[in-house]
Amino acid sequence: MVSNVTWRLVRTLIITYIISAVLLSALAFALYRFRLPESQIALGVSAVYILSCLIGGFIAGKTIKSRRFLWGLAVGLLYFALLFLMSMAQDGGITDSTVHILTVLGMCSLSGMAGGMLS
């Protein structure tokens, strides 16, 4: 049987990915409608990562209620891990530079931890 904390964490990750899907759809619409340059799209994708993990960390902190910053960090790290695995599966391996990968890891983990602290 799955523990209560594990179920809460999985539920939070599902909510976080739904938020990401909605925000990325809005970003895609903005790209289509306003013909945004690539630099603004990259900034928008980073903002989606940060906002999604921040909200996910906040939800995890509210639902688990103990060591909130650690659970927020866990949400950020799990969000990044799944994002990284999906990217590797799609591209057939690691293609981005290490600096970019570490930057996204930092954004996801720190914003998840901040969300946990804010809860």
C-alpha atoms as a PDB file:
ATOM      1  CA  MET A   1       0.000   0.000   0.000  1.00  0.00           C
ATOM      2  CA  VAL A   2       1.263   3.460  -0.902  1.00  0.00           C
ATOM      3  CA  SER A   3       1.944   5.720   2.072  1.00  0.00           C
ATOM      4  CA  ASN A   4      -0.063   8.888   2.610  1.00  0.00           C
ATOM      5  CA  VAL A   5       2.942  11.185   2.087  1.00  0.00           C
ATOM      6  CA  THR A   6       3.854   9.468  -1.180  1.00  0.00           C
ATOM      7  CA  TRP A   7       0.307   9.857  -2.487  1.00  0.00           C
ATOM      8  CA  ARG A   8       0.293  13.549  -1.543  1.00  0.00           C
ATOM      9  CA  LEU A   9       3.601  14.057  -3.319  1.00  0.00           C
ATOM     10  CA  VAL A  10       2.384  12.289  -6.472  1.00  0.00           C
ATOM     11  CA  ARG A  11      -0.851  14.295  -6.435  1.00  0.00           C
ATOM     12  CA  THR A  12       1.146  17.500  -6.075  1.00  0.00           C
ATOM     13  CA  LEU A  13       3.362  16.546  -9.022  1.00  0.00           C
ATOM     14  CA  ILE A  14       0.300  15.853 -11.167  1.00  0.00           C
ATOM     15  CA  ILE A  15      -1.120  19.267 -10.277  1.00  0.00           C
ATOM     16  CA  THR A  16       2.250  20.862 -11.029  1.00  0.00           C
ATOM     17  CA  TYR A  17       2.380  19.291 -14.487  1.00  0.00           C
ATOM     18  CA  ILE A  18      -1.205  20.367 -15.208  1.00  0.00           C
ATOM     19  CA  ILE A  19      -0.230  23.939 -14.299  1.00  0.00           C
ATOM     20  CA  SER A  20       2.781  23.637 -16.601  1.00  0.00           C
ATOM     21  CA  ALA A  21       0.612  22.394 -19.456  1.00  0.00           C
ATOM     22  CA  VAL A  22      -1.808  25.301 -19.089  1.00  0.00           C
ATOM     23  CA  LEU A  23       0.982  27.878 -18.884  1.00  0.00           C
ATOM     24  CA  LEU A  24       2.899  26.379 -21.810  1.00  0.00           C
ATOM     25  CA  SER A  25      -0.299  26.371 -23.880  1.00  0.00           C
ATOM     26  CA  ALA A  26      -0.779  30.058 -23.104  1.00  0.00           C
ATOM     27  CA  LEU A  27       2.844  30.673 -24.079  1.00  0.00           C
ATOM     28  CA  ALA A  28       2.363  28.793 -27.352  1.00  0.00           C
ATOM     29  CA  PHE A  29      -0.711  30.888 -28.099  1.00  0.00           C
ATOM     30  CA  ALA A  30       1.274  34.064 -27.392  1.00  0.00           C
ATOM     31  CA  LEU A  31       3.988  32.825 -29.740  1.00  0.00           C
ATOM     32  CA  TYR A  32       1.416  32.193 -32.458  1.00  0.00           C
ATOM     33  CA  ARG A  33      -0.546  35.402 -31.936  1.00  0.00           C
ATOM     34  CA  PHE A  34       2.220  37.928 -31.291  1.00  0.00           C
ATOM     35  CA  ARG A  35       5.157  36.274 -33.097  1.00  0.00           C
ATOM     36  CA  LEU A  36       7.436  36.586 -30.085  1.00  0.00           C
ATOM     37  CA  PRO A  37      11.202  36.320 -30.558  1.00  0.00           C
ATOM     38  CA  GLU A  38      13.036  33.244 -29.352  1.00  0.00           C
ATOM     39  CA  SER A  39      14.635  35.079 -26.418  1.00  0.00           C
ATOM     40  CA  GLN A  40      11.214  35.896 -24.988  1.00  0.00           C
ATOM     41  CA  ILE A  41      10.055  32.317 -25.462  1.00  0.00           C
ATOM     42  CA  ALA A  42      13.089  31.008 -23.563  1.00  0.00           C
ATOM     43  CA  LEU A  43      12.352  33.487 -20.777  1.00  0.00           C
ATOM     44  CA  GLY A  44       8.701  32.396 -20.761  1.00  0.00           C
ATOM     45  CA  VAL A  45       9.611  28.706 -20.501  1.00  0.00           C
ATOM     46  CA  SER A  46      11.908  29.488 -17.555  1.00  0.00           C
ATOM     47  CA  ALA A  47       9.094  31.444 -15.918  1.00  0.00           C
ATOM     48  CA  VAL A  48       6.778  28.443 -16.383  1.00  0.00           C
ATOM     49  CA  TYR A  49       9.316  26.162 -14.659  1.00  0.00           C
ATOM     50  CA  ILE A  50       9.705  28.566 -11.762  1.00  0.00           C
ATOM     51  CA  LEU A  51       6.002  29.287 -11.314  1.00  0.00           C
ATOM     52  CA  SER A  52       4.994  25.630 -11.584  1.00  0.00           C
ATOM     53  CA  CYS A  53       7.555  24.469  -9.045  1.00  0.00           C
ATOM     54  CA  LEU A  54       6.738  27.383  -6.727  1.00  0.00           C
ATOM     55  CA  ILE A  55       3.059  26.444  -6.728  1.00  0.00           C
ATOM     56  CA  GLY A  56       3.915  22.744  -6.412  1.00  0.00           C
ATOM     57  CA  GLY A  57       6.166  23.412  -3.424  1.00  0.00           C
ATOM     58  CA  PHE A  58       3.454  25.552  -1.852  1.00  0.00           C
ATOM     59  CA  ILE A  59       0.864  22.796  -2.274  1.00  0.00           C
ATOM     60  CA  ALA A  60       3.255  20.160  -0.919  1.00  0.00           C
ATOM     61  CA  GLY A  61       4.024  22.302   2.110  1.00  0.00           C
ATOM     62  CA  LYS A  62       0.340  22.903   2.798  1.00  0.00           C
ATOM     63  CA  THR A  63      -0.645  19.250   2.490  1.00  0.00           C
ATOM     64  CA  ILE A  64       2.284  17.571   4.260  1.00  0.00           C
ATOM     65  CA  LYS A  65       2.717  20.262   6.977  1.00  0.00           C
ATOM     66  CA  SER A  66       6.104  19.173   8.332  1.00  0.00           C
ATOM     67  CA  ARG A  67       9.537  20.082   6.982  1.00  0.00           C
ATOM     68  CA  ARG A  68       7.795  22.101   4.310  1.00  0.00           C
ATOM     69  CA  PHE A  69      10.927  23.373   2.596  1.00  0.00           C
ATOM     70  CA  LEU A  70      12.236  19.814   2.164  1.00  0.00           C
ATOM     71  CA  TRP A  71       8.987  18.647   0.581  1.00  0.00           C
ATOM     72  CA  GLY A  72       9.009  21.707  -1.668  1.00  0.00           C
ATOM     73  CA  LEU A  73      12.578  20.838  -2.647  1.00  0.00           C
ATOM     74  CA  ALA A  74      11.481  17.256  -3.314  1.00  0.00           C
ATOM     75  CA  VAL A  75       8.707  18.475  -5.619  1.00  0.00           C
ATOM     76  CA  GLY A  76      11.166  20.675  -7.515  1.00  0.00           C
ATOM     77  CA  LEU A  77      13.684  17.862  -7.877  1.00  0.00           C
ATOM     78  CA  LEU A  78      11.064  15.322  -8.973  1.00  0.00           C
ATOM     79  CA  TYR A  79       9.614  17.850 -11.439  1.00  0.00           C
ATOM     80  CA  PHE A  80      13.083  18.326 -12.929  1.00  0.00           C
ATOM     81  CA  ALA A  81      13.812  14.584 -12.961  1.00  0.00           C
ATOM     82  CA  LEU A  82      10.681  13.768 -14.931  1.00  0.00           C
ATOM     83  CA  LEU A  83      11.254  16.730 -17.239  1.00  0.00           C
ATOM     84  CA  PHE A  84      14.848  15.594 -17.807  1.00  0.00           C
ATOM     85  CA  LEU A  85      13.859  11.976 -18.469  1.00  0.00           C
ATOM     86  CA  MET A  86      11.173  13.003 -20.948  1.00  0.00           C
ATOM     87  CA  SER A  87      13.644  15.283 -22.705  1.00  0.00           C
ATOM     88  CA  MET A  88      16.215  12.487 -22.918  1.00  0.00           C
ATOM     89  CA  ALA A  89      13.620  10.073 -24.297  1.00  0.00           C
ATOM     90  CA  GLN A  90      12.552  12.563 -26.938  1.00  0.00           C
ATOM     91  CA  ASP A  91      16.053  13.629 -28.006  1.00  0.00           C
ATOM     92  CA  GLY A  92      17.667  10.210 -27.722  1.00  0.00           C
ATOM     93  CA  GLY A  93      20.182  11.281 -25.083  1.00  0.00           C
ATOM     94  CA  ILE A  94      21.675  14.329 -23.427  1.00  0.00           C
ATOM     95  CA  THR A  95      22.013  17.094 -26.012  1.00  0.00           C
ATOM     96  CA  ASP A  96      21.906  20.345 -23.983  1.00  0.00           C
ATOM     97  CA  SER A  97      24.943  21.834 -22.373  1.00  0.00           C
ATOM     98  CA  THR A  98      25.630  20.975 -18.751  1.00  0.00           C
ATOM     99  CA  VAL A  99      25.286  24.627 -17.755  1.00  0.00           C
ATOM    100  CA  HIS A 100      21.725  24.760 -19.094  1.00  0.00           C
ATOM    101  CA  ILE A 101      20.800  21.500 -17.366  1.00  0.00           C
ATOM    102  CA  LEU A 102      22.199  22.726 -14.054  1.00  0.00           C
ATOM    103  CA  THR A 103      20.427  26.063 -14.454  1.00  0.00           C
ATOM    104  CA  VAL A 104      17.060  24.371 -14.933  1.00  0.00           C
ATOM    105  CA  LEU A 105      17.811  22.048 -11.994  1.00  0.00           C
ATOM    106  CA  GLY A 106      18.561  25.084  -9.831  1.00  0.00           C
ATOM    107  CA  MET A 107      15.433  26.928 -10.950  1.00  0.00           C
ATOM    108  CA  CYS A 108      13.170  23.956 -10.267  1.00  0.00           C
ATOM    109  CA  SER A 109      14.663  22.950  -6.926  1.00  0.00           C
ATOM    110  CA  LEU A 110      14.999  26.454  -5.487  1.00  0.00           C
ATOM    111  CA  SER A 111      11.542  27.589  -6.550  1.00  0.00           C
ATOM    112  CA  GLY A 112      10.009  24.380  -5.166  1.00  0.00           C
ATOM    113  CA  MET A 113      11.818  24.949  -1.885  1.00  0.00           C
ATOM    114  CA  ALA A 114      10.698  28.590  -1.816  1.00  0.00           C
ATOM    115  CA  GLY A 115       7.107  27.484  -2.361  1.00  0.00           C
ATOM    116  CA  GLY A 116       7.417  25.075   0.550  1.00  0.00           C
ATOM    117  CA  MET A 117       8.766  27.849   2.759  1.00  0.00           C
ATOM    118  CA  LEU A 118       5.950  30.207   1.767  1.00  0.00           C
ATOM    119  CA  SER A 119       3.272  27.653   2.654  1.00  0.00           C
END
